[in-house]
Amino acid sequence: MPKVIQSPTKYTIDVITEEAARLVRERRLHRRQPIYTLCKYIPAREWPNVECELERHDFLLRDSIIDLLSKEEWRD
């Protein structure tokens, strides 16, 4: 069963990005999956807010998670 994140007051792009990065690190999601696969880990009542925030930042639900993580830092 997918782990559901706690509902913050507002889903900012930073919160969404951090959650996506955590799920990729835990190998629950793959970077090449579409962003909409995050919906399994976010409460359904919060998903419309997440969609709006992604849209505000020019992300499409069909974009890959890697697009969302483009600011990710790589360590050697």
C-alpha atoms as a PDB file:
ATOM      1  CA  MET A   1       0.000   0.000   0.000  1.00  0.00           C
ATOM      2  CA  PRO A   2       1.465   3.426  -0.938  1.00  0.00           C
ATOM      3  CA  LYS A   3       2.530   5.670   1.900  1.00  0.00           C
ATOM      4  CA  VAL A   4       0.477   8.854   1.941  1.00  0.00           C
ATOM      5  CA  ILE A   5       2.296  12.058   2.848  1.00  0.00           C
ATOM      6  CA  GLN A   6       0.983  14.306   5.569  1.00  0.00           C
ATOM      7  CA  SER A   7      -1.210  17.112   4.261  1.00  0.00           C
ATOM      8  CA  PRO A   8       0.587  20.425   4.564  1.00  0.00           C
ATOM      9  CA  THR A   9      -1.479  23.598   4.570  1.00  0.00           C
ATOM     10  CA  LYS A  10      -0.434  24.287   0.985  1.00  0.00           C
ATOM     11  CA  TYR A  11       1.331  22.262  -1.660  1.00  0.00           C
ATOM     12  CA  THR A  12       4.050  24.521  -2.972  1.00  0.00           C
ATOM     13  CA  ILE A  13       6.249  23.511  -5.874  1.00  0.00           C
ATOM     14  CA  ASP A  14       9.070  22.969  -3.354  1.00  0.00           C
ATOM     15  CA  VAL A  15       6.958  20.551  -1.293  1.00  0.00           C
ATOM     16  CA  ILE A  16       5.938  18.670  -4.429  1.00  0.00           C
ATOM     17  CA  THR A  17       9.525  18.498  -5.669  1.00  0.00           C
ATOM     18  CA  GLU A  18      10.829  17.310  -2.295  1.00  0.00           C
ATOM     19  CA  GLU A  19       8.180  14.595  -2.112  1.00  0.00           C
ATOM     20  CA  ALA A  20       8.938  13.434  -5.659  1.00  0.00           C
ATOM     21  CA  ALA A  21      12.674  13.345  -4.885  1.00  0.00           C
ATOM     22  CA  ARG A  22      12.046  11.325  -1.715  1.00  0.00           C
ATOM     23  CA  LEU A  23       9.884   8.814  -3.585  1.00  0.00           C
ATOM     24  CA  VAL A  24      12.559   8.447  -6.290  1.00  0.00           C
ATOM     25  CA  ARG A  25      15.281   7.947  -3.634  1.00  0.00           C
ATOM     26  CA  GLU A  26      13.124   5.281  -1.983  1.00  0.00           C
ATOM     27  CA  ARG A  27      12.644   3.678  -5.424  1.00  0.00           C
ATOM     28  CA  ARG A  28       8.880   3.913  -5.184  1.00  0.00           C
ATOM     29  CA  LEU A  29       8.865   6.017  -8.360  1.00  0.00           C
ATOM     30  CA  HIS A  30      11.206   6.201 -11.321  1.00  0.00           C
ATOM     31  CA  ARG A  31      12.462   9.460 -12.815  1.00  0.00           C
ATOM     32  CA  ARG A  32      10.987   8.545 -16.206  1.00  0.00           C
ATOM     33  CA  GLN A  33       7.448   8.041 -14.921  1.00  0.00           C
ATOM     34  CA  PRO A  34       4.932  10.795 -15.619  1.00  0.00           C
ATOM     35  CA  ILE A  35       4.306  13.346 -12.888  1.00  0.00           C
ATOM     36  CA  TYR A  36       0.714  12.166 -12.514  1.00  0.00           C
ATOM     37  CA  THR A  37       2.001   8.969 -10.828  1.00  0.00           C
ATOM     38  CA  LEU A  38       2.542  11.134  -7.743  1.00  0.00           C
ATOM     39  CA  CYS A  39      -1.228  11.040  -7.243  1.00  0.00           C
ATOM     40  CA  LYS A  40      -0.866   7.601  -5.594  1.00  0.00           C
ATOM     41  CA  TYR A  41       1.083   9.253  -2.764  1.00  0.00           C
ATOM     42  CA  ILE A  42      -0.939  12.429  -2.269  1.00  0.00           C
ATOM     43  CA  PRO A  43      -4.422  12.466  -0.720  1.00  0.00           C
ATOM     44  CA  ALA A  44      -7.130  12.682  -3.387  1.00  0.00           C
ATOM     45  CA  ARG A  45      -8.664  15.778  -1.794  1.00  0.00           C
ATOM     46  CA  GLU A  46      -5.286  17.560  -2.155  1.00  0.00           C
ATOM     47  CA  TRP A  47      -4.568  16.496  -5.727  1.00  0.00           C
ATOM     48  CA  PRO A  48      -6.445  19.412  -7.400  1.00  0.00           C
ATOM     49  CA  ASN A  49      -4.216  21.829  -5.450  1.00  0.00           C
ATOM     50  CA  VAL A  50      -1.123  19.945  -6.586  1.00  0.00           C
ATOM     51  CA  GLU A  51      -2.308  20.062 -10.207  1.00  0.00           C
ATOM     52  CA  CYS A  52      -2.855  23.821  -9.978  1.00  0.00           C
ATOM     53  CA  GLU A  53       0.587  24.395  -8.481  1.00  0.00           C
ATOM     54  CA  LEU A  54       2.248  22.274 -11.165  1.00  0.00           C
ATOM     55  CA  GLU A  55       0.332  24.152 -13.846  1.00  0.00           C
ATOM     56  CA  ARG A  56       1.408  27.496 -12.376  1.00  0.00           C
ATOM     57  CA  HIS A  57       5.007  26.383 -12.859  1.00  0.00           C
ATOM     58  CA  ASP A  58       4.434  25.146 -16.422  1.00  0.00           C
ATOM     59  CA  PHE A  59       4.504  21.415 -15.684  1.00  0.00           C
ATOM     60  CA  LEU A  60       2.164  19.020 -17.451  1.00  0.00           C
ATOM     61  CA  LEU A  61       0.972  15.859 -15.735  1.00  0.00           C
ATOM     62  CA  ARG A  62       2.401  13.827 -18.609  1.00  0.00           C
ATOM     63  CA  ASP A  63       5.893  15.350 -18.123  1.00  0.00           C
ATOM     64  CA  SER A  64       8.473  13.038 -16.573  1.00  0.00           C
ATOM     65  CA  ILE A  65       9.323  13.295 -12.905  1.00  0.00           C
ATOM     66  CA  ILE A  66      12.909  14.072 -13.971  1.00  0.00           C
ATOM     67  CA  ASP A  67      11.590  17.385 -15.346  1.00  0.00           C
ATOM     68  CA  LEU A  68      10.283  18.184 -11.887  1.00  0.00           C
ATOM     69  CA  LEU A  69      13.623  17.242 -10.326  1.00  0.00           C
ATOM     70  CA  SER A  70      15.733  19.285 -12.731  1.00  0.00           C
ATOM     71  CA  LYS A  71      17.070  21.346  -9.822  1.00  0.00           C
ATOM     72  CA  GLU A  72      18.280  18.176  -8.120  1.00  0.00           C
ATOM     73  CA  GLU A  73      21.859  18.288  -6.833  1.00  0.00           C
ATOM     74  CA  TRP A  74      24.194  15.473  -7.813  1.00  0.00           C
ATOM     75  CA  ARG A  75      26.919  14.337  -5.452  1.00  0.00           C
ATOM     76  CA  ASP A  76      30.043  12.396  -6.362  1.00  0.00           C
END
